[in-house]
Amino acid sequence: MFFFPVVFILFFFFQAEDGIRDLVRSRGLGDVYKRQLSIRGIRFAALFIEKETHIKLSFRSKGNFPVNEFASEFFSGGGHLNASGGEYNDTLENTIEYFLKVLKANFTRFNKN
């Protein structure tokens, strides 16, 4: 697992062979997001999960950052204002590169705080 802080954003990914391991009893990905968004200054969290044919993305946010619009416009997804997801049909490396590119290009437009 890798963490990449970008302004107020935290994203990480699990490769197919990783799985979720923790010494603390977990209720699943909900706890992962709760931990990410509990870090001071983090308002947007992204999770990348590598599947055989594509990358699954899951987004969570606090405040007015519309992850549903971000997912819909760039990752064929959707959801709610603060919880959404999508997918990207490429390698993990290319997906991360694309994610950073579209986030940087559209940050001001989506950061509605």
Protein backbone atom coordinates (compact mmCIF):
# COMPACT_ATOMS: atom_id res chain seq x y z
CA MET A 1 0.00 0.00 0.00
CA PHE A 2 1.31 3.43 -0.90
CA PHE A 3 0.12 6.83 0.30
CA PHE A 4 0.46 9.89 -1.90
CA PRO A 5 -0.53 13.18 -0.26
CA VAL A 6 -1.50 15.78 -2.86
CA VAL A 7 -2.66 19.09 -1.38
CA PHE A 8 -5.65 17.88 0.69
CA ILE A 9 -6.04 14.56 -1.12
CA LEU A 10 -4.97 11.11 -0.06
CA PHE A 11 -5.06 8.15 -2.37
CA PHE A 12 -3.82 4.63 -2.15
CA PHE A 13 -4.28 1.35 -3.90
CA PHE A 14 -4.42 -2.36 -3.28
CA GLN A 15 -2.97 -4.67 -5.85
CA ALA A 16 -4.87 -7.88 -6.51
CA GLU A 17 -2.55 -9.94 -4.32
CA ASP A 18 -2.54 -7.54 -1.36
CA GLY A 19 -5.87 -7.70 0.39
CA ILE A 20 -6.70 -5.65 3.43
CA ARG A 21 -4.69 -6.50 6.55
CA ASP A 22 -4.85 -4.68 9.82
CA LEU A 23 -4.21 -5.49 13.47
CA VAL A 24 -7.42 -3.70 14.40
CA ARG A 25 -10.76 -5.38 13.82
CA SER A 26 -12.24 -3.78 10.72
CA ARG A 27 -15.69 -3.59 9.21
CA GLY A 28 -14.18 -3.44 5.72
CA LEU A 29 -13.54 -0.52 3.41
CA GLY A 30 -15.74 1.80 5.48
CA ASP A 31 -13.05 1.77 8.15
CA VAL A 32 -10.36 2.44 5.56
CA TYR A 33 -12.17 5.59 4.42
CA LYS A 34 -12.89 6.68 7.97
CA ARG A 35 -9.17 6.52 8.72
CA GLN A 36 -8.19 8.39 5.55
CA LEU A 37 -10.66 11.22 6.09
CA SER A 38 -9.77 11.50 9.77
CA ILE A 39 -6.31 12.82 8.88
CA ARG A 40 -6.21 16.57 9.43
CA GLY A 41 -6.54 18.46 6.17
CA ILE A 42 -7.65 15.50 4.06
CA ARG A 43 -10.99 16.18 2.34
CA PHE A 44 -10.83 13.78 -0.61
CA ALA A 45 -9.74 10.15 -0.53
CA ALA A 46 -9.38 7.79 -3.47
CA LEU A 47 -8.97 4.03 -3.40
CA PHE A 48 -7.65 2.11 -6.42
CA ILE A 49 -8.27 -1.64 -6.60
CA GLU A 50 -6.57 -3.58 -9.37
CA LYS A 51 -8.87 -6.14 -11.03
CA GLU A 52 -7.95 -8.53 -13.84
CA THR A 53 -9.35 -6.37 -16.63
CA HIS A 54 -9.68 -2.88 -15.13
CA ILE A 55 -9.06 -0.65 -12.14
CA LYS A 56 -11.94 -0.07 -9.73
CA LEU A 57 -11.92 3.38 -8.13
CA SER A 58 -13.78 4.46 -5.04
CA PHE A 59 -13.93 8.05 -3.85
CA ARG A 60 -14.92 9.64 -0.54
CA SER A 61 -14.91 13.29 0.47
CA LYS A 62 -15.85 15.70 3.21
CA GLY A 63 -17.51 19.04 2.65
CA ASN A 64 -18.55 20.16 -0.80
CA PHE A 65 -16.06 18.31 -2.99
CA PRO A 66 -18.48 16.49 -5.38
CA VAL A 67 -16.85 13.11 -5.89
CA ASN A 68 -19.98 11.94 -7.71
CA GLU A 69 -19.42 14.55 -10.45
CA PHE A 70 -15.70 13.72 -10.59
CA ALA A 71 -16.45 9.98 -10.93
CA SER A 72 -19.15 10.53 -13.54
CA GLU A 73 -17.10 12.85 -15.73
CA PHE A 74 -13.79 10.97 -15.71
CA PHE A 75 -14.34 7.37 -14.56
CA SER A 76 -17.70 6.21 -15.97
CA GLY A 77 -19.13 6.20 -12.47
CA GLY A 78 -21.36 8.06 -10.11
CA GLY A 79 -22.80 8.02 -6.64
CA HIS A 80 -23.44 10.59 -3.94
CA LEU A 81 -21.83 13.94 -3.19
CA ASN A 82 -19.37 12.43 -0.69
CA ALA A 83 -19.30 8.76 -1.77
CA SER A 84 -18.95 7.45 -5.30
CA GLY A 85 -16.92 5.24 -7.57
CA GLY A 86 -16.08 4.27 -11.09
CA GLU A 87 -13.61 2.30 -13.17
CA TYR A 88 -10.86 2.77 -15.70
CA ASN A 89 -9.89 0.21 -18.32
CA ASP A 90 -6.10 0.45 -18.25
CA THR A 91 -3.14 -0.49 -16.08
CA LEU A 92 -2.82 0.70 -12.50
CA GLU A 93 0.09 2.95 -13.43
CA ASN A 94 -1.80 4.58 -16.30
CA THR A 95 -4.91 4.97 -14.15
CA ILE A 96 -2.96 6.79 -11.45
CA GLU A 97 -1.34 9.01 -14.08
CA TYR A 98 -4.75 9.83 -15.60
CA PHE A 99 -6.27 10.44 -12.14
CA LEU A 100 -3.56 12.95 -11.24
CA LYS A 101 -3.82 14.65 -14.63
CA VAL A 102 -7.60 15.18 -14.49
CA LEU A 103 -7.52 16.12 -10.82
CA LYS A 104 -4.86 18.76 -11.39
CA ALA A 105 -6.65 20.15 -14.45
CA ASN A 106 -10.04 20.31 -12.70
CA PHE A 107 -9.16 20.87 -9.05
CA THR A 108 -10.42 24.47 -8.87
CA ARG A 109 -13.71 23.59 -10.54
CA PHE A 110 -14.45 20.70 -8.14
CA ASN A 111 -13.11 22.30 -4.96
CA LYS A 112 -16.35 24.07 -4.03
CA ASN A 113 -15.45 24.83 -0.44
